[in-house]
């Protein structure tokens, strides 16, 4: 699947809609969601599902970067989350 192929993106969108309809109809089952709205500590909403559709406009180098490089989304050291999994700093 490629986010650059419009056919693949259409299939992904249809698959997402199908998943949402299944999920939303099953939320009253044995394990319903605890809240109607989930968010980060900063107040940013957390969606139920993320797909490549959500990162279409992502500039990899500026927004994500490599481990150990600015903007440090993957840690300040290249092996940050692979060398010391449970270290708290």
C-alpha atoms as a PDB file:
ATOM      1  CA  UNK A   1       0.000   0.000   0.000  1.00  0.00           C
ATOM      2  CA  UNK A   2       1.324   3.411  -0.940  1.00  0.00           C
ATOM      3  CA  UNK A   3       0.066   6.742   0.327  1.00  0.00           C
ATOM      4  CA  UNK A   4       1.078   8.154  -3.059  1.00  0.00           C
ATOM      5  CA  UNK A   5      -1.368   5.925  -4.937  1.00  0.00           C
ATOM      6  CA  UNK A   6      -4.893   7.430  -4.991  1.00  0.00           C
ATOM      7  CA  UNK A   7      -6.459   3.946  -5.376  1.00  0.00           C
ATOM      8  CA  UNK A   8      -4.673   2.712  -2.244  1.00  0.00           C
ATOM      9  CA  UNK A   9      -5.744   5.798  -0.314  1.00  0.00           C
ATOM     10  CA  UNK A  10      -9.368   5.291  -1.381  1.00  0.00           C
ATOM     11  CA  UNK A  11      -9.185   1.675  -0.175  1.00  0.00           C
ATOM     12  CA  UNK A  12      -7.662   2.834   3.103  1.00  0.00           C
ATOM     13  CA  UNK A  13     -10.411   5.419   3.636  1.00  0.00           C
ATOM     14  CA  UNK A  14     -13.099   2.805   2.917  1.00  0.00           C
ATOM     15  CA  UNK A  15     -11.408   0.357   5.281  1.00  0.00           C
ATOM     16  CA  UNK A  16     -11.277   3.028   7.975  1.00  0.00           C
ATOM     17  CA  UNK A  17     -14.986   3.817   7.584  1.00  0.00           C
ATOM     18  CA  UNK A  18     -15.794   0.092   7.803  1.00  0.00           C
ATOM     19  CA  UNK A  19     -13.653  -0.279  10.939  1.00  0.00           C
ATOM     20  CA  UNK A  20     -15.298   2.754  12.559  1.00  0.00           C
ATOM     21  CA  UNK A  21     -18.796   1.431  11.859  1.00  0.00           C
ATOM     22  CA  UNK A  22     -17.874  -1.963  13.365  1.00  0.00           C
ATOM     23  CA  UNK A  23     -16.135  -0.361  16.328  1.00  0.00           C
ATOM     24  CA  UNK A  24     -18.825   2.170  17.113  1.00  0.00           C
ATOM     25  CA  UNK A  25     -21.523  -0.491  16.988  1.00  0.00           C
ATOM     26  CA  UNK A  26     -19.586  -2.692  19.430  1.00  0.00           C
ATOM     27  CA  UNK A  27     -18.772  -0.053  22.077  1.00  0.00           C
ATOM     28  CA  UNK A  28     -21.661  -1.176  24.248  1.00  0.00           C
ATOM     29  CA  UNK A  29     -20.268  -4.712  24.434  1.00  0.00           C
ATOM     30  CA  UNK A  30     -18.215  -6.274  27.247  1.00  0.00           C
ATOM     31  CA  UNK A  31     -15.446  -3.651  27.064  1.00  0.00           C
ATOM     32  CA  UNK A  32     -16.862  -0.224  26.158  1.00  0.00           C
ATOM     33  CA  UNK A  33     -14.643   2.871  26.051  1.00  0.00           C
ATOM     34  CA  UNK A  34     -14.118   4.500  29.409  1.00  0.00           C
ATOM     35  CA  UNK A  35     -14.750   8.029  28.119  1.00  0.00           C
ATOM     36  CA  UNK A  36     -16.223   9.791  25.121  1.00  0.00           C
ATOM     37  CA  UNK A  37     -13.086  11.880  24.597  1.00  0.00           C
ATOM     38  CA  UNK A  38      -9.409  11.051  25.106  1.00  0.00           C
ATOM     39  CA  UNK A  39      -6.633  13.650  25.020  1.00  0.00           C
ATOM     40  CA  UNK A  40      -2.991  14.159  25.883  1.00  0.00           C
ATOM     41  CA  UNK A  41      -1.907  16.090  28.970  1.00  0.00           C
ATOM     42  CA  UNK A  42      -1.594  19.093  26.636  1.00  0.00           C
ATOM     43  CA  UNK A  43      -5.228  18.800  25.612  1.00  0.00           C
ATOM     44  CA  UNK A  44      -4.567  17.426  22.113  1.00  0.00           C
ATOM     45  CA  UNK A  45      -7.229  14.928  21.051  1.00  0.00           C
ATOM     46  CA  UNK A  46      -6.271  11.254  20.718  1.00  0.00           C
ATOM     47  CA  UNK A  47      -8.092   9.503  17.904  1.00  0.00           C
ATOM     48  CA  UNK A  48      -9.246   5.879  18.013  1.00  0.00           C
ATOM     49  CA  UNK A  49      -7.258   4.950  14.906  1.00  0.00           C
ATOM     50  CA  UNK A  50      -4.334   6.462  13.036  1.00  0.00           C
ATOM     51  CA  UNK A  51      -3.505   5.521   9.442  1.00  0.00           C
ATOM     52  CA  UNK A  52      -1.108   6.807   6.752  1.00  0.00           C
ATOM     53  CA  UNK A  53      -3.925   9.187   5.808  1.00  0.00           C
ATOM     54  CA  UNK A  54      -3.192  11.096   9.037  1.00  0.00           C
ATOM     55  CA  UNK A  55       0.437  11.751   8.103  1.00  0.00           C
ATOM     56  CA  UNK A  56       0.090  12.593   4.411  1.00  0.00           C
ATOM     57  CA  UNK A  57       1.471  16.088   4.962  1.00  0.00           C
ATOM     58  CA  UNK A  58       4.264  14.974   7.318  1.00  0.00           C
ATOM     59  CA  UNK A  59       7.691  16.372   6.488  1.00  0.00           C
ATOM     60  CA  UNK A  60       9.810  13.488   7.778  1.00  0.00           C
ATOM     61  CA  UNK A  61      13.015  15.461   8.365  1.00  0.00           C
ATOM     62  CA  UNK A  62      11.373  18.532   9.939  1.00  0.00           C
ATOM     63  CA  UNK A  63       8.535  16.864  11.872  1.00  0.00           C
ATOM     64  CA  UNK A  64       9.961  13.486  12.904  1.00  0.00           C
ATOM     65  CA  UNK A  65      13.701  13.279  12.233  1.00  0.00           C
ATOM     66  CA  UNK A  66      16.114  10.451  12.966  1.00  0.00           C
ATOM     67  CA  UNK A  67      16.777   9.134  16.488  1.00  0.00           C
ATOM     68  CA  UNK A  68      19.231  11.400  18.308  1.00  0.00           C
ATOM     69  CA  UNK A  69      18.668  14.364  15.962  1.00  0.00           C
ATOM     70  CA  UNK A  70      16.454  17.440  16.097  1.00  0.00           C
ATOM     71  CA  UNK A  71      13.494  17.618  16.767  1.00  0.00           C
ATOM     72  CA  UNK A  72      14.304  14.716  19.162  1.00  0.00           C
ATOM     73  CA  UNK A  73      10.901  13.010  18.789  1.00  0.00           C
ATOM     74  CA  UNK A  74      12.712   9.669  19.062  1.00  0.00           C
ATOM     75  CA  UNK A  75      14.967  10.594  21.978  1.00  0.00           C
ATOM     76  CA  UNK A  76      18.103  12.670  22.420  1.00  0.00           C
ATOM     77  CA  UNK A  77      20.418   9.691  21.866  1.00  0.00           C
ATOM     78  CA  UNK A  78      20.385   7.450  18.785  1.00  0.00           C
ATOM     79  CA  UNK A  79      19.754   4.393  20.996  1.00  0.00           C
ATOM     80  CA  UNK A  80      17.548   6.192  23.523  1.00  0.00           C
ATOM     81  CA  UNK A  81      14.552   3.860  23.499  1.00  0.00           C
ATOM     82  CA  UNK A  82      16.418   0.717  22.485  1.00  0.00           C
ATOM     83  CA  UNK A  83      19.352   0.832  24.904  1.00  0.00           C
ATOM     84  CA  UNK A  84      17.589   1.753  28.147  1.00  0.00           C
ATOM     85  CA  UNK A  85      13.960   0.876  27.812  1.00  0.00           C
ATOM     86  CA  UNK A  86      12.799   1.866  31.290  1.00  0.00           C
ATOM     87  CA  UNK A  87      15.175   4.668  32.254  1.00  0.00           C
ATOM     88  CA  UNK A  88      13.424   7.761  33.538  1.00  0.00           C
ATOM     89  CA  UNK A  89      15.307  11.041  33.225  1.00  0.00           C
END
